[in-house]
Amino acid sequence: MPYVYLMIAILAEVAATTALKESNGFTRLTPGLITLTGYAVAFYFLSLTLRHVPTGVAYAIWSGVGIVLITAAAWLFHGQKLDAPALVGMGLIIAGVIVMNCFSRASAH
C-alpha cells in the first residue's frame, strides 16, 4: 500500500505543479486552488508513504517520477519543447528510479 500512496502523492504533485503555471502567480482562482489542494494531498500521501518506505528511496522515486511526469505535462499542455539531451536525461532519471527500486537494499534501520 505505501507505493500506492506514493503514486497518489506524485500524481497530486504533478497536477499541482501543472496548475501552478496556470495560476499565473496565484492571480487566477481555480488553478490556484488546484495548486494548493494538490500540494496538500501530495504531502499528506507522502507522509503516509514515509511510514513504511525509507525517506531516501521515497524521495528519489517522488522526485524522479515527478520530474518526468511534470516535463511530459509541460510538453502536452504548455508546448514545452524537448530535445534529445532532455529525453536522454529523463531516461537516465527513470533508470535511476528503477535501479533504486529493484536493486537497492536501503532501509530505515
PDB file of N, CA and C in Angstrom:
ATOM      1  N   MET A   1       0.803  -1.210   0.000  1.00  0.00           N
ATOM      2  CA  MET A   1       0.000   0.000   0.000  1.00  0.00           C
ATOM      3  C   MET A   1       0.848   1.278   0.000  1.00  0.00           C
ATOM      4  N   PRO A   2       2.050   1.269   0.592  1.00  0.00           N
ATOM      5  CA  PRO A   2       2.825   2.518   0.619  1.00  0.00           C
ATOM      6  C   PRO A   2       3.159   3.035  -0.785  1.00  0.00           C
ATOM      7  N   TYR A   3       3.345   2.122  -1.740  1.00  0.00           N
ATOM      8  CA  TYR A   3       3.678   2.591  -3.082  1.00  0.00           C
ATOM      9  C   TYR A   3       2.450   3.127  -3.808  1.00  0.00           C
ATOM     10  N   VAL A   4       1.258   2.691  -3.415  1.00  0.00           N
ATOM     11  CA  VAL A   4       0.026   3.298  -3.932  1.00  0.00           C
ATOM     12  C   VAL A   4      -0.070   4.721  -3.397  1.00  0.00           C
ATOM     13  N   TYR A   5       0.222   4.894  -2.093  1.00  0.00           N
ATOM     14  CA  TYR A   5       0.237   6.235  -1.502  1.00  0.00           C
ATOM     15  C   TYR A   5       1.252   7.129  -2.209  1.00  0.00           C
ATOM     16  N   LEU A   6       2.410   6.564  -2.500  1.00  0.00           N
ATOM     17  CA  LEU A   6       3.450   7.352  -3.167  1.00  0.00           C
ATOM     18  C   LEU A   6       2.997   7.770  -4.563  1.00  0.00           C
ATOM     19  N   MET A   7       2.346   6.877  -5.283  1.00  0.00           N
ATOM     20  CA  MET A   7       1.865   7.236  -6.631  1.00  0.00           C
ATOM     21  C   MET A   7       0.795   8.317  -6.552  1.00  0.00           C
ATOM     22  N   ILE A   8      -0.088   8.238  -5.558  1.00  0.00           N
ATOM     23  CA  ILE A   8      -1.087   9.292  -5.373  1.00  0.00           C
ATOM     24  C   ILE A   8      -0.385  10.616  -5.087  1.00  0.00           C
ATOM     25  N   ALA A   9       0.622  10.568  -4.229  1.00  0.00           N
ATOM     26  CA  ALA A   9       1.379  11.781  -3.892  1.00  0.00           C
ATOM     27  C   ALA A   9       2.032  12.374  -5.130  1.00  0.00           C
ATOM     28  N   ILE A  10       2.633  11.530  -5.948  1.00  0.00           N
ATOM     29  CA  ILE A  10       3.307  12.005  -7.159  1.00  0.00           C
ATOM     30  C   ILE A  10       2.297  12.627  -8.121  1.00  0.00           C
ATOM     31  N   LEU A  11       1.186  11.948  -8.355  1.00  0.00           N
ATOM     32  CA  LEU A  11       0.188  12.471  -9.291  1.00  0.00           C
ATOM     33  C   LEU A  11      -0.417  13.778  -8.797  1.00  0.00           C
ATOM     34  N   ALA A  12      -0.644  13.883  -7.487  1.00  0.00           N
ATOM     35  CA  ALA A  12      -1.172  15.127  -6.932  1.00  0.00           C
ATOM     36  C   ALA A  12      -0.163  16.257  -7.084  1.00  0.00           C
ATOM     37  N   GLU A  13       1.109  15.942  -6.878  1.00  0.00           N
ATOM     38  CA  GLU A  13       2.157  16.966  -7.026  1.00  0.00           C
ATOM     39  C   GLU A  13       2.293  17.405  -8.484  1.00  0.00           C
ATOM     40  N   VAL A  14       2.176  16.478  -9.410  1.00  0.00           N
ATOM     41  CA  VAL A  14       2.240  16.819 -10.831  1.00  0.00           C
ATOM     42  C   VAL A  14       1.058  17.712 -11.220  1.00  0.00           C
ATOM     43  N   ALA A  15      -0.135  17.364 -10.742  1.00  0.00           N
ATOM     44  CA  ALA A  15      -1.311  18.200 -11.024  1.00  0.00           C
ATOM     45  C   ALA A  15      -1.133  19.593 -10.419  1.00  0.00           C
ATOM     46  N   ALA A  16      -0.615  19.640  -9.194  1.00  0.00           N
ATOM     47  CA  ALA A  16      -0.423  20.930  -8.525  1.00  0.00           C
ATOM     48  C   ALA A  16       0.602  21.791  -9.252  1.00  0.00           C
ATOM     49  N   THR A  17       1.697  21.199  -9.658  1.00  0.00           N
ATOM     50  CA  THR A  17       2.739  21.957 -10.344  1.00  0.00           C
ATOM     51  C   THR A  17       2.262  22.422 -11.715  1.00  0.00           C
ATOM     52  N   THR A  18       1.517  21.586 -12.398  1.00  0.00           N
ATOM     53  CA  THR A  18       0.957  21.977 -13.697  1.00  0.00           C
ATOM     54  C   THR A  18      -0.034  23.128 -13.519  1.00  0.00           C
ATOM     55  N   ALA A  19      -0.859  23.053 -12.497  1.00  0.00           N
ATOM     56  CA  ALA A  19      -1.822  24.135 -12.223  1.00  0.00           C
ATOM     57  C   ALA A  19      -1.109  25.404 -11.768  1.00  0.00           C
ATOM     58  N   LEU A  20       0.029  25.248 -11.113  1.00  0.00           N
ATOM     59  CA  LEU A  20       0.783  26.414 -10.648  1.00  0.00           C
ATOM     60  C   LEU A  20       1.140  27.328 -11.819  1.00  0.00           C
ATOM     61  N   LYS A  21       1.545  26.743 -12.926  1.00  0.00           N
ATOM     62  CA  LYS A  21       1.845  27.530 -14.125  1.00  0.00           C
ATOM     63  C   LYS A  21       0.594  28.281 -14.582  1.00  0.00           C
ATOM     64  N   GLU A  22      -0.530  27.588 -14.553  1.00  0.00           N
ATOM     65  CA  GLU A  22      -1.792  28.191 -14.996  1.00  0.00           C
ATOM     66  C   GLU A  22      -2.323  29.238 -14.014  1.00  0.00           C
ATOM     67  N   SER A  23      -1.881  29.189 -12.762  1.00  0.00           N
ATOM     68  CA  SER A  23      -2.393  30.133 -11.760  1.00  0.00           C
ATOM     69  C   SER A  23      -1.878  31.547 -11.990  1.00  0.00           C
ATOM     70  N   ASN A  24      -0.834  31.677 -12.822  1.00  0.00           N
ATOM     71  CA  ASN A  24      -0.268  32.986 -13.144  1.00  0.00           C
ATOM     72  C   ASN A  24       0.079  33.770 -11.868  1.00  0.00           C
ATOM     73  N   GLY A  25       0.896  33.120 -11.028  1.00  0.00           N
ATOM     74  CA  GLY A  25       1.307  33.773  -9.791  1.00  0.00           C
ATOM     75  C   GLY A  25       0.165  33.898  -8.791  1.00  0.00           C
ATOM     76  N   PHE A  26      -0.718  32.909  -8.779  1.00  0.00           N
ATOM     77  CA  PHE A  26      -1.895  32.879  -7.904  1.00  0.00           C
ATOM     78  C   PHE A  26      -2.849  34.046  -8.161  1.00  0.00           C
ATOM     79  N   THR A  27      -2.885  34.522  -9.398  1.00  0.00           N
ATOM     80  CA  THR A  27      -3.843  35.568  -9.758  1.00  0.00           C
ATOM     81  C   THR A  27      -5.120  34.979 -10.355  1.00  0.00           C
ATOM     82  N   ARG A  28      -5.115  33.683 -10.625  1.00  0.00           N
ATOM     83  CA  ARG A  28      -6.305  33.002 -11.155  1.00  0.00           C
ATOM     84  C   ARG A  28      -6.786  32.006 -10.102  1.00  0.00           C
ATOM     85  N   LEU A  29      -8.039  32.127  -9.689  1.00  0.00           N
ATOM     86  CA  LEU A  29      -8.568  31.394  -8.541  1.00  0.00           C
ATOM     87  C   LEU A  29      -8.544  29.878  -8.715  1.00  0.00           C
ATOM     88  N   THR A  30      -9.156  29.363  -9.767  1.00  0.00           N
ATOM     89  CA  THR A  30      -9.290  27.906  -9.904  1.00  0.00           C
ATOM     90  C   THR A  30      -7.940  27.204  -9.974  1.00  0.00           C
ATOM     91  N   PRO A  31      -7.018  27.640 -10.849  1.00  0.00           N
ATOM     92  CA  PRO A  31      -5.720  26.968 -10.845  1.00  0.00           C
ATOM     93  C   PRO A  31      -4.979  27.135  -9.513  1.00  0.00           C
ATOM     94  N   GLY A  32      -5.166  28.271  -8.852  1.00  0.00           N
ATOM     95  CA  GLY A  32      -4.533  28.475  -7.552  1.00  0.00           C
ATOM     96  C   GLY A  32      -5.057  27.497  -6.510  1.00  0.00           C
ATOM     97  N   LEU A  33      -6.362  27.276  -6.507  1.00  0.00           N
ATOM     98  CA  LEU A  33      -6.960  26.320  -5.575  1.00  0.00           C
ATOM     99  C   LEU A  33      -6.536  24.890  -5.888  1.00  0.00           C
ATOM    100  N   ILE A  34      -6.443  24.555  -7.176  1.00  0.00           N
ATOM    101  CA  ILE A  34      -5.952  23.229  -7.565  1.00  0.00           C
ATOM    102  C   ILE A  34      -4.519  23.048  -7.075  1.00  0.00           C
ATOM    103  N   THR A  35      -3.707  24.085  -7.203  1.00  0.00           N
ATOM    104  CA  THR A  35      -2.316  24.022  -6.748  1.00  0.00           C
ATOM    105  C   THR A  35      -2.247  23.758  -5.255  1.00  0.00           C
ATOM    106  N   LEU A  36      -2.956  24.547  -4.467  1.00  0.00           N
ATOM    107  CA  LEU A  36      -2.910  24.388  -3.012  1.00  0.00           C
ATOM    108  C   LEU A  36      -3.441  23.025  -2.576  1.00  0.00           C
ATOM    109  N   THR A  37      -4.562  22.617  -3.160  1.00  0.00           N
ATOM    110  CA  THR A  37      -5.143  21.321  -2.819  1.00  0.00           C
ATOM    111  C   THR A  37      -4.220  20.179  -3.238  1.00  0.00           C
ATOM    112  N   GLY A  38      -3.668  20.286  -4.434  1.00  0.00           N
ATOM    113  CA  GLY A  38      -2.775  19.236  -4.935  1.00  0.00           C
ATOM    114  C   GLY A  38      -1.554  19.053  -4.062  1.00  0.00           C
ATOM    115  N   TYR A  39      -0.939  20.155  -3.648  1.00  0.00           N
ATOM    116  CA  TYR A  39       0.238  20.042  -2.776  1.00  0.00           C
ATOM    117  C   TYR A  39      -0.142  19.488  -1.407  1.00  0.00           C
ATOM    118  N   ALA A  40      -1.297  19.877  -0.868  1.00  0.00           N
ATOM    119  CA  ALA A  40      -1.734  19.333   0.425  1.00  0.00           C
ATOM    120  C   ALA A  40      -1.944  17.822   0.331  1.00  0.00           C
ATOM    121  N   VAL A  41      -2.613  17.382  -0.722  1.00  0.00           N
ATOM    122  CA  VAL A  41      -2.833  15.949  -0.934  1.00  0.00           C
ATOM    123  C   VAL A  41      -1.491  15.241  -1.125  1.00  0.00           C
ATOM    124  N   ALA A  42      -0.623  15.836  -1.914  1.00  0.00           N
ATOM    125  CA  ALA A  42       0.679  15.222  -2.184  1.00  0.00           C
ATOM    126  C   ALA A  42       1.477  15.011  -0.901  1.00  0.00           C
ATOM    127  N   PHE A  43       1.565  16.028  -0.072  1.00  0.00           N
ATOM    128  CA  PHE A  43       2.362  15.891   1.145  1.00  0.00           C
ATOM    129  C   PHE A  43       1.693  14.965   2.159  1.00  0.00           C
ATOM    130  N   TYR A  44       0.380  14.941   2.200  1.00  0.00           N
ATOM    131  CA  TYR A  44      -0.305  14.007   3.091  1.00  0.00           C
ATOM    132  C   TYR A  44       0.035  12.567   2.703  1.00  0.00           C
ATOM    133  N   PHE A  45      -0.110  12.246   1.412  1.00  0.00           N
ATOM    134  CA  PHE A  45       0.156  10.873   0.981  1.00  0.00           C
ATOM    135  C   PHE A  45       1.643  10.541   1.032  1.00  0.00           C
ATOM    136  N   LEU A  46       2.506  11.525   0.835  1.00  0.00           N
ATOM    137  CA  LEU A  46       3.935  11.280   1.019  1.00  0.00           C
ATOM    138  C   LEU A  46       4.210  10.935   2.484  1.00  0.00           C
ATOM    139  N   SER A  47       3.550  11.621   3.408  1.00  0.00           N
ATOM    140  CA  SER A  47       3.751  11.324   4.830  1.00  0.00           C
ATOM    141  C   SER A  47       3.302   9.902   5.162  1.00  0.00           C
ATOM    142  N   LEU A  48       2.221   9.427   4.539  1.00  0.00           N
ATOM    143  CA  LEU A  48       1.793   8.041   4.749  1.00  0.00           C
ATOM    144  C   LEU A  48       2.814   7.061   4.180  1.00  0.00           C
ATOM    145  N   THR A  49       3.383   7.409   3.039  1.00  0.00           N
ATOM    146  CA  THR A  49       4.399   6.572   2.419  1.00  0.00           C
ATOM    147  C   THR A  49       5.600   6.410   3.339  1.00  0.00           C
ATOM    148  N   LEU A  50       6.004   7.508   3.974  1.00  0.00           N
ATOM    149  CA  LEU A  50       7.221   7.501   4.789  1.00  0.00           C
ATOM    150  C   LEU A  50       7.084   6.674   6.064  1.00  0.00           C
ATOM    151  N   ARG A  51       5.896   6.209   6.376  1.00  0.00           N
ATOM    152  CA  ARG A  51       5.730   5.274   7.492  1.00  0.00           C
ATOM    153  C   ARG A  51       6.395   3.933   7.187  1.00  0.00           C
ATOM    154  N   HIS A  52       6.501   3.584   5.888  1.00  0.00           N
ATOM    155  CA  HIS A  52       6.941   2.243   5.503  1.00  0.00           C
ATOM    156  C   HIS A  52       8.127   2.223   4.545  1.00  0.00           C
ATOM    157  N   VAL A  53       8.377   3.309   3.862  1.00  0.00           N
ATOM    158  CA  VAL A  53       9.440   3.360   2.856  1.00  0.00           C
ATOM    159  C   VAL A  53      10.516   4.319   3.357  1.00  0.00           C
ATOM    160  N   PRO A  54      11.792   3.927   3.272  1.00  0.00           N
ATOM    161  CA  PRO A  54      12.857   4.833   3.701  1.00  0.00           C
ATOM    162  C   PRO A  54      12.770   6.174   2.971  1.00  0.00           C
ATOM    163  N   THR A  55      13.082   7.241   3.679  1.00  0.00           N
ATOM    164  CA  THR A  55      12.958   8.593   3.136  1.00  0.00           C
ATOM    165  C   THR A  55      13.725   8.768   1.834  1.00  0.00           C
ATOM    166  N   GLY A  56      14.970   8.312   1.807  1.00  0.00           N
ATOM    167  CA  GLY A  56      15.791   8.477   0.601  1.00  0.00           C
ATOM    168  C   GLY A  56      15.216   7.780  -0.610  1.00  0.00           C
ATOM    169  N   VAL A  57      14.696   6.575  -0.406  1.00  0.00           N
ATOM    170  CA  VAL A  57      14.098   5.820  -1.504  1.00  0.00           C
ATOM    171  C   VAL A  57      12.808   6.500  -1.963  1.00  0.00           C
ATOM    172  N   ALA A  58      11.948   6.854  -1.002  1.00  0.00           N
ATOM    173  CA  ALA A  58      10.679   7.509  -1.359  1.00  0.00           C
ATOM    174  C   ALA A  58      10.930   8.824  -2.088  1.00  0.00           C
ATOM    175  N   TYR A  59      11.883   9.607  -1.599  1.00  0.00           N
ATOM    176  CA  TYR A  59      12.129  10.902  -2.217  1.00  0.00           C
ATOM    177  C   TYR A  59      12.747  10.749  -3.604  1.00  0.00           C
ATOM    178  N   ALA A  60      13.607   9.760  -3.769  1.00  0.00           N
ATOM    179  CA  ALA A  60      14.187   9.527  -5.098  1.00  0.00           C
ATOM    180  C   ALA A  60      13.101   9.166  -6.110  1.00  0.00           C
ATOM    181  N   ILE A  61      12.182   8.312  -5.698  1.00  0.00           N
ATOM    182  CA  ILE A  61      11.080   7.937  -6.593  1.00  0.00           C
ATOM    183  C   ILE A  61      10.175   9.137  -6.840  1.00  0.00           C
ATOM    184  N   TRP A  62       9.816   9.836  -5.769  1.00  0.00           N
ATOM    185  CA  TRP A  62       8.952  11.026  -5.848  1.00  0.00           C
ATOM    186  C   TRP A  62       9.530  12.040  -6.828  1.00  0.00           C
ATOM    187  N   SER A  63      10.786  12.383  -6.636  1.00  0.00           N
ATOM    188  CA  SER A  63      11.378  13.430  -7.470  1.00  0.00           C
ATOM    189  C   SER A  63      11.650  12.944  -8.885  1.00  0.00           C
ATOM    190  N   GLY A  64      12.132  11.715  -9.029  1.00  0.00           N
ATOM    191  CA  GLY A  64      12.440  11.200 -10.365  1.00  0.00           C
ATOM    192  C   GLY A  64      11.212  11.050 -11.241  1.00  0.00           C
ATOM    193  N   VAL A  65      10.218  10.363 -10.721  1.00  0.00           N
ATOM    194  CA  VAL A  65       8.982  10.167 -11.490  1.00  0.00           C
ATOM    195  C   VAL A  65       8.279  11.507 -11.681  1.00  0.00           C
ATOM    196  N   GLY A  66       8.295  12.340 -10.643  1.00  0.00           N
ATOM    197  CA  GLY A  66       7.672  13.659 -10.743  1.00  0.00           C
ATOM    198  C   GLY A  66       8.287  14.512 -11.834  1.00  0.00           C
ATOM    199  N   ILE A  67       9.623  14.527 -11.916  1.00  0.00           N
ATOM    200  CA  ILE A  67      10.298  15.311 -12.957  1.00  0.00           C
ATOM    201  C   ILE A  67       9.856  14.866 -14.343  1.00  0.00           C
ATOM    202  N   VAL A  68       9.824  13.565 -14.553  1.00  0.00           N
ATOM    203  CA  VAL A  68       9.438  13.046 -15.868  1.00  0.00           C
ATOM    204  C   VAL A  68       7.984  13.386 -16.181  1.00  0.00           C
ATOM    205  N   LEU A  69       7.092  13.182 -15.215  1.00  0.00           N
ATOM    206  CA  LEU A  69       5.674  13.460 -15.472  1.00  0.00           C
ATOM    207  C   LEU A  69       5.391  14.942 -15.629  1.00  0.00           C
ATOM    208  N   ILE A  70       6.050  15.790 -14.842  1.00  0.00           N
ATOM    209  CA  ILE A  70       5.853  17.230 -14.985  1.00  0.00           C
ATOM    210  C   ILE A  70       6.382  17.712 -16.331  1.00  0.00           C
ATOM    211  N   THR A  71       7.501  17.166 -16.755  1.00  0.00           N
ATOM    212  CA  THR A  71       8.028  17.527 -18.073  1.00  0.00           C
ATOM    213  C   THR A  71       7.068  17.093 -19.170  1.00  0.00           C
ATOM    214  N   ALA A  72       6.498  15.895 -19.026  1.00  0.00           N
ATOM    215  CA  ALA A  72       5.513  15.424 -20.017  1.00  0.00           C
ATOM    216  C   ALA A  72       4.275  16.324 -20.014  1.00  0.00           C
ATOM    217  N   ALA A  73       3.810  16.720 -18.833  1.00  0.00           N
ATOM    218  CA  ALA A  73       2.651  17.610 -18.744  1.00  0.00           C
ATOM    219  C   ALA A  73       2.967  18.970 -19.370  1.00  0.00           C
ATOM    220  N   ALA A  74       4.167  19.484 -19.133  1.00  0.00           N
ATOM    221  CA  ALA A  74       4.560  20.765 -19.733  1.00  0.00           C
ATOM    222  C   ALA A  74       4.609  20.648 -21.252  1.00  0.00           C
ATOM    223  N   TRP A  75       5.051  19.524 -21.745  1.00  0.00           N
ATOM    224  CA  TRP A  75       5.095  19.282 -23.190  1.00  0.00           C
ATOM    225  C   TRP A  75       3.669  19.218 -23.758  1.00  0.00           C
ATOM    226  N   LEU A  76       2.784  18.501 -23.056  1.00  0.00           N
ATOM    227  CA  LEU A  76       1.414  18.334 -23.542  1.00  0.00           C
ATOM    228  C   LEU A  76       0.583  19.611 -23.443  1.00  0.00           C
ATOM    229  N   PHE A  77       0.678  20.291 -22.290  1.00  0.00           N
ATOM    230  CA  PHE A  77      -0.248  21.388 -22.010  1.00  0.00           C
ATOM    231  C   PHE A  77       0.335  22.779 -22.220  1.00  0.00           C
ATOM    232  N   HIS A  78       1.652  22.908 -22.173  1.00  0.00           N
ATOM    233  CA  HIS A  78       2.253  24.240 -22.270  1.00  0.00           C
ATOM    234  C   HIS A  78       3.199  24.391 -23.455  1.00  0.00           C
ATOM    235  N   GLY A  79       3.267  23.391 -24.302  1.00  0.00           N
ATOM    236  CA  GLY A  79       4.078  23.492 -25.505  1.00  0.00           C
ATOM    237  C   GLY A  79       5.583  23.482 -25.273  1.00  0.00           C
ATOM    238  N   GLN A  80       6.027  22.943 -24.124  1.00  0.00           N
ATOM    239  CA  GLN A  80       7.469  22.869 -23.869  1.00  0.00           C
ATOM    240  C   GLN A  80       8.112  21.955 -24.894  1.00  0.00           C
ATOM    241  N   LYS A  81       9.229  22.376 -25.423  1.00  0.00           N
ATOM    242  CA  LYS A  81       9.959  21.577 -26.404  1.00  0.00           C
ATOM    243  C   LYS A  81      10.962  20.686 -25.696  1.00  0.00           C
ATOM    244  N   LEU A  82      11.105  19.466 -26.173  1.00  0.00           N
ATOM    245  CA  LEU A  82      12.057  18.520 -25.616  1.00  0.00           C
ATOM    246  C   LEU A  82      13.027  18.097 -26.705  1.00  0.00           C
ATOM    247  N   ASP A  83      14.317  18.290 -26.445  1.00  0.00           N
ATOM    248  CA  ASP A  83      15.320  17.862 -27.411  1.00  0.00           C
ATOM    249  C   ASP A  83      15.926  16.535 -26.955  1.00  0.00           C
ATOM    250  N   ALA A  84      16.845  16.008 -27.764  1.00  0.00           N
ATOM    251  CA  ALA A  84      17.456  14.709 -27.471  1.00  0.00           C
ATOM    252  C   ALA A  84      18.127  14.676 -26.093  1.00  0.00           C
ATOM    253  N   PRO A  85      18.933  15.688 -25.712  1.00  0.00           N
ATOM    254  CA  PRO A  85      19.539  15.626 -24.372  1.00  0.00           C
ATOM    255  C   PRO A  85      18.503  15.588 -23.245  1.00  0.00           C
ATOM    256  N   ALA A  86      17.394  16.297 -23.410  1.00  0.00           N
ATOM    257  CA  ALA A  86      16.341  16.269 -22.388  1.00  0.00           C
ATOM    258  C   ALA A  86      15.742  14.873 -22.282  1.00  0.00           C
ATOM    259  N   LEU A  87      15.494  14.246 -23.416  1.00  0.00           N
ATOM    260  CA  LEU A  87      14.919  12.897 -23.411  1.00  0.00           C
ATOM    261  C   LEU A  87      15.903  11.881 -22.826  1.00  0.00           C
ATOM    262  N   VAL A  88      17.181  12.006 -23.167  1.00  0.00           N
ATOM    263  CA  VAL A  88      18.196  11.113 -22.600  1.00  0.00           C
ATOM    264  C   VAL A  88      18.269  11.308 -21.089  1.00  0.00           C
ATOM    265  N   GLY A  89      18.261  12.554 -20.646  1.00  0.00           N
ATOM    266  CA  GLY A  89      18.306  12.836 -19.214  1.00  0.00           C
ATOM    267  C   GLY A  89      17.128  12.234 -18.481  1.00  0.00           C
ATOM    268  N   MET A  90      15.940  12.356 -19.046  1.00  0.00           N
ATOM    269  CA  MET A  90      14.769  11.755 -18.415  1.00  0.00           C
ATOM    270  C   MET A  90      14.871  10.231 -18.399  1.00  0.00           C
ATOM    271  N   GLY A  91      15.440   9.675 -19.453  1.00  0.00           N
ATOM    272  CA  GLY A  91      15.666   8.226 -19.477  1.00  0.00           C
ATOM    273  C   GLY A  91      16.609   7.794 -18.360  1.00  0.00           C
ATOM    274  N   LEU A  92      17.637   8.594 -18.116  1.00  0.00           N
ATOM    275  CA  LEU A  92      18.563   8.288 -17.030  1.00  0.00           C
ATOM    276  C   LEU A  92      17.888   8.405 -15.663  1.00  0.00           C
ATOM    277  N   ILE A  93      17.008   9.388 -15.526  1.00  0.00           N
ATOM    278  CA  ILE A  93      16.258   9.523 -14.265  1.00  0.00           C
ATOM    279  C   ILE A  93      15.402   8.279 -14.040  1.00  0.00           C
ATOM    280  N   ILE A  94      14.698   7.854 -15.066  1.00  0.00           N
ATOM    281  CA  ILE A  94      13.863   6.657 -14.955  1.00  0.00           C
ATOM    282  C   ILE A  94      14.724   5.443 -14.624  1.00  0.00           C
ATOM    283  N   ALA A  95      15.882   5.328 -15.284  1.00  0.00           N
ATOM    284  CA  ALA A  95      16.781   4.205 -14.998  1.00  0.00           C
ATOM    285  C   ALA A  95      17.229   4.240 -13.539  1.00  0.00           C
ATOM    286  N   GLY A  96      17.531   5.405 -13.023  1.00  0.00           N
ATOM    287  CA  GLY A  96      17.937   5.534 -11.627  1.00  0.00           C
ATOM    288  C   GLY A  96      16.843   5.105 -10.666  1.00  0.00           C
ATOM    289  N   VAL A  97      15.618   5.490 -10.946  1.00  0.00           N
ATOM    290  CA  VAL A  97      14.497   5.088 -10.095  1.00  0.00           C
ATOM    291  C   VAL A  97      14.329   3.570 -10.138  1.00  0.00           C
ATOM    292  N   ILE A  98      14.456   2.978 -11.309  1.00  0.00           N
ATOM    293  CA  ILE A  98      14.335   1.524 -11.441  1.00  0.00           C
ATOM    294  C   ILE A  98      15.446   0.823 -10.675  1.00  0.00           C
ATOM    295  N   VAL A  99      16.670   1.296 -10.807  1.00  0.00           N
ATOM    296  CA  VAL A  99      17.798   0.689 -10.093  1.00  0.00           C
ATOM    297  C   VAL A  99      17.568   0.761  -8.583  1.00  0.00           C
ATOM    298  N   MET A 100      17.161   1.918  -8.092  1.00  0.00           N
ATOM    299  CA  MET A 100      16.906   2.046  -6.647  1.00  0.00           C
ATOM    300  C   MET A 100      15.806   1.109  -6.196  1.00  0.00           C
ATOM    301  N   ASN A 101      14.749   1.022  -6.971  1.00  0.00           N
ATOM    302  CA  ASN A 101      13.615   0.190  -6.592  1.00  0.00           C
ATOM    303  C   ASN A 101      13.921  -1.290  -6.660  1.00  0.00           C
ATOM    304  N   CYS A 102      14.638  -1.707  -7.669  1.00  0.00           N
ATOM    305  CA  CYS A 102      14.860  -3.133  -7.893  1.00  0.00           C
ATOM    306  C   CYS A 102      16.101  -3.698  -7.210  1.00  0.00           C
ATOM    307  N   PHE A 103      17.114  -2.872  -7.007  1.00  0.00           N
ATOM    308  CA  PHE A 103      18.392  -3.417  -6.550  1.00  0.00           C
ATOM    309  C   PHE A 103      18.883  -2.862  -5.223  1.00  0.00           C
ATOM    310  N   SER A 104      18.331  -1.765  -4.761  1.00  0.00           N
ATOM    311  CA  SER A 104      18.818  -1.157  -3.523  1.00  0.00           C
ATOM    312  C   SER A 104      18.309  -1.945  -2.324  1.00  0.00           C
ATOM    313  N   ARG A 105      19.160  -2.059  -1.345  1.00  0.00           N
ATOM    314  CA  ARG A 105      18.761  -2.685  -0.091  1.00  0.00           C
ATOM    315  C   ARG A 105      18.689  -1.635   1.013  1.00  0.00           C
ATOM    316  N   ALA A 106      18.500  -0.384   0.613  1.00  0.00           N
ATOM    317  CA  ALA A 106      18.388   0.707   1.573  1.00  0.00           C
ATOM    318  C   ALA A 106      17.227   0.432   2.525  1.00  0.00           C
ATOM    319  N   SER A 107      17.439   0.713   3.767  1.00  0.00           N
ATOM    320  CA  SER A 107      16.375   0.524   4.751  1.00  0.00           C
ATOM    321  C   SER A 107      16.442   1.618   5.792  1.00  0.00           C
ATOM    322  N   ALA A 108      15.425   1.703   6.577  1.00  0.00           N
ATOM    323  CA  ALA A 108      15.361   2.731   7.607  1.00  0.00           C
ATOM    324  C   ALA A 108      16.229   2.371   8.817  1.00  0.00           C
ATOM    325  N   HIS A 109      16.704   1.141   8.897  1.00  0.00           N
ATOM    326  CA  HIS A 109      17.477   0.716  10.078  1.00  0.00           C
ATOM    327  C   HIS A 109      18.941   0.589   9.778  1.00  0.00           C
TER     328      HIS A 109
END
